[in-house]
């Protein structure tokens, strides 16, 4: 069942099995607030079991671009387009959030972003990345990193 993320009242709905569920819910709410404020988009997620094509697309990009395979179980995902940007998010049980921002125009910017929930360790598969810190009222301290996508997907 799809869930419209509320950033006024942060809820752990769909994320309960995460050891950092509250922080992951705050991270998810932080993303929802960003897309609502910037694009007027309501950030709606669905259980991973209903989002196979989105998760497969993200996994394919990670594997083909950097040889990354995420070991944690995906809990939720979403895919949508705002303006000319195709966007996908996957939220993982360990507290990791991965997003793909893929400009549809050939000359556009394309990248994969990683965000770590407050309280989680850097996963082994992302140990080579440097993470910058960002403060969020909804999510505490978010650590983030990214890489630029080189190929077509």
Protein backbone atom coordinates (compact mmCIF):
# COMPACT_ATOMS: atom_id res chain seq x y z
CA UNK A 1 0.00 0.00 0.00
CA UNK A 2 1.54 3.37 -0.98
CA UNK A 3 2.28 5.78 1.86
CA UNK A 4 2.43 9.58 1.46
CA UNK A 5 5.26 10.64 3.76
CA UNK A 6 4.21 13.27 6.30
CA UNK A 7 7.06 15.60 7.27
CA UNK A 8 5.02 17.42 9.92
CA UNK A 9 4.41 14.26 11.95
CA UNK A 10 7.31 11.86 11.38
CA UNK A 11 6.20 8.22 11.40
CA UNK A 12 8.14 4.96 11.25
CA UNK A 13 5.38 3.29 9.20
CA UNK A 14 7.02 0.74 6.89
CA UNK A 15 10.42 1.11 8.57
CA UNK A 16 9.73 -0.62 11.89
CA UNK A 17 12.21 -3.47 11.32
CA UNK A 18 15.16 -1.06 11.04
CA UNK A 19 17.42 -0.80 14.12
CA UNK A 20 17.48 2.97 13.43
CA UNK A 21 13.79 3.26 12.44
CA UNK A 22 13.23 6.70 14.01
CA UNK A 23 16.30 8.21 12.34
CA UNK A 24 15.45 6.58 8.99
CA UNK A 25 11.90 7.93 9.27
CA UNK A 26 13.37 11.39 9.89
CA UNK A 27 15.61 11.02 6.84
CA UNK A 28 12.62 9.95 4.72
CA UNK A 29 10.60 12.92 6.03
CA UNK A 30 13.52 15.26 5.24
CA UNK A 31 13.43 14.09 1.61
CA UNK A 32 9.63 14.48 1.51
CA UNK A 33 9.89 18.06 2.75
CA UNK A 34 12.53 18.90 0.13
CA UNK A 35 10.42 17.65 -2.81
CA UNK A 36 7.25 19.28 -1.49
CA UNK A 37 8.96 22.65 -1.01
CA UNK A 38 11.02 22.64 -4.22
CA UNK A 39 8.64 20.93 -6.68
CA UNK A 40 5.24 20.69 -4.96
CA UNK A 41 5.59 16.88 -5.19
CA UNK A 42 4.00 14.62 -2.57
CA UNK A 43 6.68 12.03 -1.69
CA UNK A 44 4.93 8.66 -1.70
CA UNK A 45 6.72 5.39 -0.97
CA UNK A 46 5.63 1.79 -1.38
CA UNK A 47 6.83 -1.46 0.18
CA UNK A 48 9.88 -2.97 -1.50
CA UNK A 49 7.77 -5.99 -2.46
CA UNK A 50 5.71 -3.70 -4.73
CA UNK A 51 8.65 -1.69 -6.09
CA UNK A 52 10.74 -4.34 -7.85
CA UNK A 53 11.35 -2.38 -11.05
CA UNK A 54 12.56 0.68 -9.13
CA UNK A 55 14.88 -1.35 -6.92
CA UNK A 56 16.18 -3.29 -9.94
CA UNK A 57 16.96 -0.01 -11.77
CA UNK A 58 18.89 1.38 -8.78
CA UNK A 59 20.71 -1.95 -8.28
CA UNK A 60 21.67 -2.09 -11.96
CA UNK A 61 23.16 1.41 -11.86
CA UNK A 62 25.12 0.65 -8.66
CA UNK A 63 26.45 -2.64 -10.05
CA UNK A 64 27.33 -1.42 -13.54
CA UNK A 65 28.79 1.95 -12.52
CA UNK A 66 30.75 0.98 -9.41
CA UNK A 67 30.36 -2.77 -8.78
CA UNK A 68 28.33 -2.03 -5.63
CA UNK A 69 25.87 -4.58 -4.27
CA UNK A 70 23.94 -3.43 -1.20
CA UNK A 71 23.76 -6.17 1.43
CA UNK A 72 20.93 -4.67 3.48
CA UNK A 73 17.29 -5.51 2.75
CA UNK A 74 15.28 -2.80 0.97
CA UNK A 75 12.17 -1.77 2.93
CA UNK A 76 10.60 0.88 0.70
CA UNK A 77 11.10 2.62 -2.61
CA UNK A 78 9.65 5.31 -4.81
CA UNK A 79 10.12 6.51 -8.37
CA UNK A 80 8.75 9.68 -9.93
CA UNK A 81 9.62 12.49 -12.30
CA UNK A 82 9.73 16.22 -11.52
CA UNK A 83 10.39 18.61 -14.37
CA UNK A 84 12.95 16.78 -16.53
CA UNK A 85 14.48 14.69 -13.71
CA UNK A 86 13.69 11.02 -13.17
CA UNK A 87 14.12 10.22 -9.48
CA UNK A 88 14.24 6.96 -7.54
CA UNK A 89 14.74 6.33 -3.83
CA UNK A 90 15.32 3.09 -1.94
CA UNK A 91 15.26 2.99 1.87
CA UNK A 92 17.12 0.07 3.45
CA UNK A 93 16.71 -1.76 6.74
CA UNK A 94 20.18 -0.74 8.00
CA UNK A 95 19.25 2.98 7.73
CA UNK A 96 20.73 3.67 4.29
CA UNK A 97 18.89 5.74 1.70
CA UNK A 98 19.99 5.65 -1.93
CA UNK A 99 18.64 8.04 -4.52
CA UNK A 100 19.17 8.30 -8.25
CA UNK A 101 18.63 11.67 -9.91
CA UNK A 102 18.68 11.13 -13.64
CA UNK A 103 18.08 14.10 -15.92
CA UNK A 104 16.13 12.93 -18.96
CA UNK A 105 17.92 15.38 -21.29
CA UNK A 106 21.11 13.95 -22.81
CA UNK A 107 23.21 16.82 -21.53
CA UNK A 108 21.77 16.72 -18.02
CA UNK A 109 23.28 15.82 -14.69
CA UNK A 110 22.94 12.27 -13.41
CA UNK A 111 24.08 11.00 -10.02
CA UNK A 112 23.58 8.45 -7.28
CA UNK A 113 23.35 9.78 -3.73
CA UNK A 114 23.85 7.92 -0.47
CA UNK A 115 22.53 9.12 2.86
CA UNK A 116 23.20 7.43 6.18
CA UNK A 117 20.71 7.70 9.03
CA UNK A 118 21.88 9.01 12.37
CA UNK A 119 23.28 6.13 14.43
CA UNK A 120 24.23 3.74 11.63
CA UNK A 121 27.73 2.71 10.62
CA UNK A 122 29.01 3.17 7.07
CA UNK A 123 28.20 -0.10 5.25
CA UNK A 124 31.25 -2.06 4.08
CA UNK A 125 30.18 -1.73 0.44
CA UNK A 126 30.37 2.10 0.75
CA UNK A 127 33.59 2.27 2.79
CA UNK A 128 35.53 3.89 -0.10
CA UNK A 129 33.25 6.97 -0.11
CA UNK A 130 33.82 10.09 1.96
CA UNK A 131 30.67 11.32 3.71
CA UNK A 132 29.85 14.96 4.45
CA UNK A 133 27.67 15.83 7.45
CA UNK A 134 24.46 17.81 7.29
CA UNK A 135 22.17 18.79 10.16
CA UNK A 136 18.43 18.27 9.81
CA UNK A 137 15.63 19.12 12.25
CA UNK A 138 13.81 16.00 11.07
CA UNK A 139 16.71 13.56 10.82
CA UNK A 140 19.43 14.73 13.20
CA UNK A 141 22.83 14.38 11.51
CA UNK A 142 22.71 13.02 7.98
CA UNK A 143 25.92 11.82 6.36
CA UNK A 144 25.86 11.95 2.58
CA UNK A 145 27.96 11.11 -0.45
CA UNK A 146 27.42 10.62 -4.18
CA UNK A 147 28.91 9.68 -7.50
CA UNK A 148 28.22 10.86 -11.05
CA UNK A 149 26.58 8.37 -13.42
CA UNK A 150 28.62 7.95 -16.61
CA UNK A 151 26.44 5.60 -18.70
CA UNK A 152 22.87 5.56 -20.05
CA UNK A 153 20.09 3.87 -18.11
